[in-house]
PDB file of all heavy atoms in Angstrom:
ATOM      1  N   LYS A   1      82.578  66.538  -6.000  1.00  0.00           N
ATOM      2  CA  LYS A   1      83.188  65.737  -7.054  1.00  0.00           C
ATOM      3  C   LYS A   1      82.935  66.315  -8.438  1.00  0.00           C
ATOM      4  O   LYS A   1      83.253  65.669  -9.450  1.00  0.00           O
ATOM      5  CB  LYS A   1      82.653  64.304  -6.982  1.00  0.00           C
ATOM      6  CG  LYS A   1      83.031  63.582  -5.698  1.00  0.00           C
ATOM      7  CD  LYS A   1      82.572  62.133  -5.714  1.00  0.00           C
ATOM      8  CE  LYS A   1      83.032  61.404  -4.465  1.00  0.00           C
ATOM      9  NZ  LYS A   1      82.600  59.977  -4.470  1.00  0.00           N
ATOM     10  N   GLY A   2      82.383  67.520  -8.487  1.00  0.00           N
ATOM     11  CA  GLY A   2      82.068  68.139  -9.759  1.00  0.00           C
ATOM     12  C   GLY A   2      83.223  68.941 -10.338  1.00  0.00           C
ATOM     13  O   GLY A   2      84.348  68.919  -9.842  1.00  0.00           O
ATOM     14  N   THR A   3      82.896  69.703 -11.410  1.00  0.00           N
ATOM     15  CA  THR A   3      83.897  70.532 -12.095  1.00  0.00           C
ATOM     16  C   THR A   3      83.716  72.010 -11.796  1.00  0.00           C
ATOM     17  O   THR A   3      84.512  72.835 -12.252  1.00  0.00           O
ATOM     18  CB  THR A   3      83.801  70.306 -13.617  1.00  0.00           C
ATOM     19  OG1 THR A   3      82.469  70.624 -14.047  1.00  0.00           O
ATOM     20  CG2 THR A   3      84.107  68.859 -13.970  1.00  0.00           C
ATOM     21  N   GLY A   4      82.678  72.343 -11.043  1.00  0.00           N
ATOM     22  CA  GLY A   4      82.441  73.723 -10.641  1.00  0.00           C
ATOM     23  C   GLY A   4      82.123  73.778  -9.159  1.00  0.00           C
ATOM     24  O   GLY A   4      82.043  72.749  -8.481  1.00  0.00           O
ATOM     25  N   ALA A   5      81.939  75.000  -8.663  1.00  0.00           N
ATOM     26  CA  ALA A   5      81.603  75.163  -7.257  1.00  0.00           C
ATOM     27  C   ALA A   5      80.288  74.450  -6.951  1.00  0.00           C
ATOM     28  O   ALA A   5      79.351  74.460  -7.755  1.00  0.00           O
ATOM     29  CB  ALA A   5      81.507  76.635  -6.900  1.00  0.00           C
ATOM     30  N   GLY A   6      80.221  73.815  -5.776  1.00  0.00           N
ATOM     31  CA  GLY A   6      79.026  73.064  -5.395  1.00  0.00           C
ATOM     32  C   GLY A   6      78.425  73.592  -4.114  1.00  0.00           C
ATOM     33  O   GLY A   6      79.140  73.932  -3.167  1.00  0.00           O
ATOM     34  N   ALA A   7      77.095  73.649  -4.075  1.00  0.00           N
ATOM     35  CA  ALA A   7      76.389  74.157  -2.900  1.00  0.00           C
ATOM     36  C   ALA A   7      76.174  73.055  -1.875  1.00  0.00           C
ATOM     37  O   ALA A   7      75.964  71.889  -2.214  1.00  0.00           O
ATOM     38  CB  ALA A   7      75.046  74.744  -3.311  1.00  0.00           C
ATOM     39  N   VAL A   8      76.223  73.432  -0.596  1.00  0.00           N
ATOM     40  CA  VAL A   8      75.905  72.544   0.519  1.00  0.00           C
ATOM     41  C   VAL A   8      74.711  73.145   1.250  1.00  0.00           C
ATOM     42  O   VAL A   8      74.758  74.300   1.682  1.00  0.00           O
ATOM     43  CB  VAL A   8      77.096  72.390   1.486  1.00  0.00           C
ATOM     44  CG1 VAL A   8      76.692  71.535   2.679  1.00  0.00           C
ATOM     45  CG2 VAL A   8      78.295  71.776   0.769  1.00  0.00           C
ATOM     46  N   ASN A   9      73.657  72.356   1.381  1.00  0.00           N
ATOM     47  CA  ASN A   9      72.474  72.819   2.100  1.00  0.00           C
ATOM     48  C   ASN A   9      71.753  71.592   2.647  1.00  0.00           C
ATOM     49  O   ASN A   9      70.946  70.959   1.971  1.00  0.00           O
ATOM     50  CB  ASN A   9      71.546  73.610   1.179  1.00  0.00           C
ATOM     51  CG  ASN A   9      70.392  74.242   1.943  1.00  0.00           C
ATOM     52  OD1 ASN A   9      70.385  74.283   3.179  1.00  0.00           O
ATOM     53  ND2 ASN A   9      69.407  74.761   1.220  1.00  0.00           N
ATOM     54  N   LYS A  10      72.088  71.237   3.878  1.00  0.00           N
ATOM     55  CA  LYS A  10      71.554  70.023   4.484  1.00  0.00           C
ATOM     56  C   LYS A  10      71.083  70.311   5.909  1.00  0.00           C
ATOM     57  O   LYS A  10      71.514  71.282   6.545  1.00  0.00           O
ATOM     58  CB  LYS A  10      72.619  68.928   4.524  1.00  0.00           C
ATOM     59  CG  LYS A  10      72.894  68.290   3.162  1.00  0.00           C
ATOM     60  CD  LYS A  10      71.758  67.351   2.766  1.00  0.00           C
ATOM     61  CE  LYS A  10      72.090  66.591   1.505  1.00  0.00           C
ATOM     62  NZ  LYS A  10      71.043  65.607   1.181  1.00  0.00           N
ATOM     63  N   VAL A  11      70.218  69.438   6.408  1.00  0.00           N
ATOM     64  CA  VAL A  11      69.733  69.512   7.788  1.00  0.00           C
ATOM     65  C   VAL A  11      70.017  68.171   8.458  1.00  0.00           C
ATOM     66  O   VAL A  11      69.665  67.112   7.916  1.00  0.00           O
ATOM     67  CB  VAL A  11      68.222  69.812   7.844  1.00  0.00           C
ATOM     68  CG1 VAL A  11      67.704  69.690   9.275  1.00  0.00           C
ATOM     69  CG2 VAL A  11      67.946  71.208   7.308  1.00  0.00           C
ATOM     70  N   ASP A  12      70.673  68.225   9.604  1.00  0.00           N
ATOM     71  CA  ASP A  12      70.929  67.008  10.374  1.00  0.00           C
ATOM     72  C   ASP A  12      69.876  66.908  11.469  1.00  0.00           C
ATOM     73  O   ASP A  12      69.776  67.789  12.327  1.00  0.00           O
ATOM     74  CB  ASP A  12      72.328  67.029  10.977  1.00  0.00           C
ATOM     75  CG  ASP A  12      72.749  65.659  11.475  1.00  0.00           C
ATOM     76  OD1 ASP A  12      72.804  64.734  10.642  1.00  0.00           O
ATOM     77  OD2 ASP A  12      73.020  65.495  12.673  1.00  0.00           O
ATOM     78  N   GLN A  13      69.090  65.862  11.400  1.00  0.00           N
ATOM     79  CA  GLN A  13      67.995  65.663  12.348  1.00  0.00           C
ATOM     80  C   GLN A  13      68.445  64.665  13.417  1.00  0.00           C
ATOM     81  O   GLN A  13      68.640  63.488  13.148  1.00  0.00           O
ATOM     82  CB  GLN A  13      66.777  65.126  11.600  1.00  0.00           C
ATOM     83  CG  GLN A  13      65.609  64.712  12.466  1.00  0.00           C
ATOM     84  CD  GLN A  13      65.061  65.839  13.296  1.00  0.00           C
ATOM     85  OE1 GLN A  13      65.281  65.855  14.505  1.00  0.00           O
ATOM     86  NE2 GLN A  13      64.352  66.769  12.670  1.00  0.00           N
ATOM     87  N   LEU A  14      68.656  65.159  14.652  1.00  0.00           N
ATOM     88  CA  LEU A  14      69.101  64.299  15.730  1.00  0.00           C
ATOM     89  C   LEU A  14      68.113  64.239  16.882  1.00  0.00           C
ATOM     90  O   LEU A  14      68.484  63.943  18.017  1.00  0.00           O
ATOM     91  CB  LEU A  14      70.489  64.711  16.225  1.00  0.00           C
ATOM     92  CG  LEU A  14      70.689  66.096  16.835  1.00  0.00           C
ATOM     93  CD1 LEU A  14      71.921  66.077  17.746  1.00  0.00           C
ATOM     94  CD2 LEU A  14      70.910  67.139  15.770  1.00  0.00           C
ATOM     95  N   GLY A  15      66.837  64.502  16.586  1.00  0.00           N
ATOM     96  CA  GLY A  15      65.818  64.368  17.613  1.00  0.00           C
ATOM     97  C   GLY A  15      65.720  62.947  18.126  1.00  0.00           C
ATOM     98  O   GLY A  15      65.422  62.709  19.299  1.00  0.00           O
ATOM     99  N   GLY A  16      65.979  61.964  17.227  1.00  0.00           N
ATOM    100  CA  GLY A  16      65.956  60.572  17.625  1.00  0.00           C
ATOM    101  C   GLY A  16      67.166  60.154  18.425  1.00  0.00           C
ATOM    102  O   GLY A  16      67.242  59.016  18.897  1.00  0.00           O
ATOM    103  N   VAL A  17      68.127  61.068  18.576  1.00  0.00           N
ATOM    104  CA  VAL A  17      69.310  60.822  19.400  1.00  0.00           C
ATOM    105  C   VAL A  17      69.123  61.439  20.781  1.00  0.00           C
ATOM    106  O   VAL A  17      69.421  60.812  21.811  1.00  0.00           O
ATOM    107  CB  VAL A  17      70.574  61.393  18.732  1.00  0.00           C
ATOM    108  CG1 VAL A  17      71.768  61.324  19.671  1.00  0.00           C
ATOM    109  CG2 VAL A  17      70.877  60.664  17.441  1.00  0.00           C
ATOM    110  N   LEU A  18      68.609  62.664  20.800  1.00  0.00           N
ATOM    111  CA  LEU A  18      68.579  63.429  22.043  1.00  0.00           C
ATOM    112  C   LEU A  18      67.540  62.953  23.047  1.00  0.00           C
ATOM    113  O   LEU A  18      67.539  63.412  24.192  1.00  0.00           O
ATOM    114  CB  LEU A  18      68.349  64.914  21.711  1.00  0.00           C
ATOM    115  CG  LEU A  18      69.458  65.559  20.875  1.00  0.00           C
ATOM    116  CD1 LEU A  18      69.165  67.027  20.635  1.00  0.00           C
ATOM    117  CD2 LEU A  18      70.815  65.388  21.546  1.00  0.00           C
ATOM    118  N   ASP A  19      66.644  62.039  22.641  1.00  0.00           N
ATOM    119  CA  ASP A  19      65.755  61.447  23.656  1.00  0.00           C
ATOM    120  C   ASP A  19      66.474  60.363  24.454  1.00  0.00           C
ATOM    121  O   ASP A  19      66.018  59.972  25.537  1.00  0.00           O
ATOM    122  CB  ASP A  19      64.493  60.879  23.007  1.00  0.00           C
ATOM    123  CG  ASP A  19      64.792  59.747  22.033  1.00  0.00           C
ATOM    124  OD1 ASP A  19      65.883  59.763  21.424  1.00  0.00           O
ATOM    125  OD2 ASP A  19      63.946  58.845  21.876  1.00  0.00           O
ATOM    126  N   ASP A  20      67.616  59.905  23.927  1.00  0.00           N
ATOM    127  CA  ASP A  20      68.375  58.853  24.605  1.00  0.00           C
ATOM    128  C   ASP A  20      69.782  59.295  24.999  1.00  0.00           C
ATOM    129  O   ASP A  20      70.482  58.553  25.688  1.00  0.00           O
ATOM    130  CB  ASP A  20      68.506  57.629  23.695  1.00  0.00           C
ATOM    131  CG  ASP A  20      67.161  57.038  23.336  1.00  0.00           C
ATOM    132  OD1 ASP A  20      66.557  56.401  24.205  1.00  0.00           O
ATOM    133  OD2 ASP A  20      66.706  57.221  22.189  1.00  0.00           O
ATOM    134  N   ALA A  21      70.211  60.459  24.550  1.00  0.00           N
ATOM    135  CA  ALA A  21      71.583  60.904  24.793  1.00  0.00           C
ATOM    136  C   ALA A  21      71.614  62.418  24.972  1.00  0.00           C
ATOM    137  O   ALA A  21      70.673  63.130  24.608  1.00  0.00           O
ATOM    138  CB  ALA A  21      72.499  60.490  23.644  1.00  0.00           C
ATOM    139  N   THR A  22      72.722  62.895  25.512  1.00  0.00           N
ATOM    140  CA  THR A  22      72.929  64.321  25.753  1.00  0.00           C
ATOM    141  C   THR A  22      74.057  64.825  24.868  1.00  0.00           C
ATOM    142  O   THR A  22      75.095  64.167  24.735  1.00  0.00           O
ATOM    143  CB  THR A  22      73.293  64.570  27.229  1.00  0.00           C
ATOM    144  OG1 THR A  22      72.252  64.028  28.062  1.00  0.00           O
ATOM    145  CG2 THR A  22      73.442  66.055  27.517  1.00  0.00           C
ATOM    146  N   LEU A  23      73.858  65.998  24.276  1.00  0.00           N
ATOM    147  CA  LEU A  23      74.893  66.602  23.431  1.00  0.00           C
ATOM    148  C   LEU A  23      76.020  67.124  24.320  1.00  0.00           C
ATOM    149  O   LEU A  23      75.792  67.957  25.189  1.00  0.00           O
ATOM    150  CB  LEU A  23      74.292  67.740  22.612  1.00  0.00           C
ATOM    151  CG  LEU A  23      75.209  68.421  21.593  1.00  0.00           C
ATOM    152  CD1 LEU A  23      75.569  67.472  20.471  1.00  0.00           C
ATOM    153  CD2 LEU A  23      74.528  69.668  21.019  1.00  0.00           C
ATOM    154  N   VAL A  24      77.232  66.623  24.101  1.00  0.00           N
ATOM    155  CA  VAL A  24      78.362  67.043  24.937  1.00  0.00           C
ATOM    156  C   VAL A  24      79.355  67.905  24.155  1.00  0.00           C
ATOM    157  O   VAL A  24      80.095  68.687  24.740  1.00  0.00           O
ATOM    158  CB  VAL A  24      79.089  65.828  25.556  1.00  0.00           C
ATOM    159  CG1 VAL A  24      78.194  65.119  26.540  1.00  0.00           C
ATOM    160  CG2 VAL A  24      79.568  64.860  24.479  1.00  0.00           C
ATOM    161  N   THR A  25      79.374  67.773  22.827  1.00  0.00           N
ATOM    162  CA  THR A  25      80.213  68.620  21.972  1.00  0.00           C
ATOM    163  C   THR A  25      79.369  69.097  20.808  1.00  0.00           C
ATOM    164  O   THR A  25      78.881  68.287  20.006  1.00  0.00           O
ATOM    165  CB  THR A  25      81.444  67.863  21.445  1.00  0.00           C
ATOM    166  OG1 THR A  25      82.194  67.346  22.543  1.00  0.00           O
ATOM    167  CG2 THR A  25      82.330  68.787  20.627  1.00  0.00           C
ATOM    168  N   ALA A  26      79.164  70.410  20.695  1.00  0.00           N
ATOM    169  CA  ALA A  26      78.290  70.971  19.666  1.00  0.00           C
ATOM    170  C   ALA A  26      78.871  70.757  18.268  1.00  0.00           C
ATOM    171  O   ALA A  26      80.088  70.655  18.094  1.00  0.00           O
ATOM    172  CB  ALA A  26      78.078  72.462  19.919  1.00  0.00           C
ATOM    173  N   PRO A  27      78.015  70.696  17.227  1.00  0.00           N
ATOM    174  CA  PRO A  27      78.497  70.517  15.858  1.00  0.00           C
ATOM    175  C   PRO A  27      79.427  71.652  15.434  1.00  0.00           C
ATOM    176  O   PRO A  27      79.147  72.830  15.684  1.00  0.00           O
ATOM    177  CB  PRO A  27      77.208  70.524  15.034  1.00  0.00           C
ATOM    178  CG  PRO A  27      76.135  70.146  15.987  1.00  0.00           C
ATOM    179  CD  PRO A  27      76.542  70.709  17.301  1.00  0.00           C
ATOM    180  N   ALA A  28      80.539  71.295  14.796  1.00  0.00           N
ATOM    181  CA  ALA A  28      81.530  72.274  14.328  1.00  0.00           C
ATOM    182  C   ALA A  28      82.072  71.824  12.983  1.00  0.00           C
ATOM    183  O   ALA A  28      82.253  70.627  12.740  1.00  0.00           O
ATOM    184  CB  ALA A  28      82.662  72.425  15.342  1.00  0.00           C
ATOM    185  N   ALA A  29      82.320  72.801  12.087  1.00  0.00           N
ATOM    186  CA  ALA A  29      82.818  72.507  10.741  1.00  0.00           C
ATOM    187  C   ALA A  29      84.337  72.549  10.706  1.00  0.00           C
ATOM    188  O   ALA A  29      84.971  73.330  11.425  1.00  0.00           O
ATOM    189  CB  ALA A  29      82.243  73.497   9.738  1.00  0.00           C
ATOM    190  N   SER A  30      84.919  71.733   9.842  1.00  0.00           N
ATOM    191  CA  SER A  30      86.371  71.696   9.678  1.00  0.00           C
ATOM    192  C   SER A  30      86.864  72.770   8.718  1.00  0.00           C
ATOM    193  O   SER A  30      88.070  73.006   8.625  1.00  0.00           O
ATOM    194  CB  SER A  30      86.796  70.325   9.151  1.00  0.00           C
ATOM    195  OG  SER A  30      86.274  70.112   7.834  1.00  0.00           O
TER     196      SER A  30
END
């Protein structure tokens, strides 16, 4: 939402998901 180029640098923590579920489709960017 800025006026210049913006950096993306994030970590998605899904350890609290994978103890109860199985990954069936790997993360992919649009």
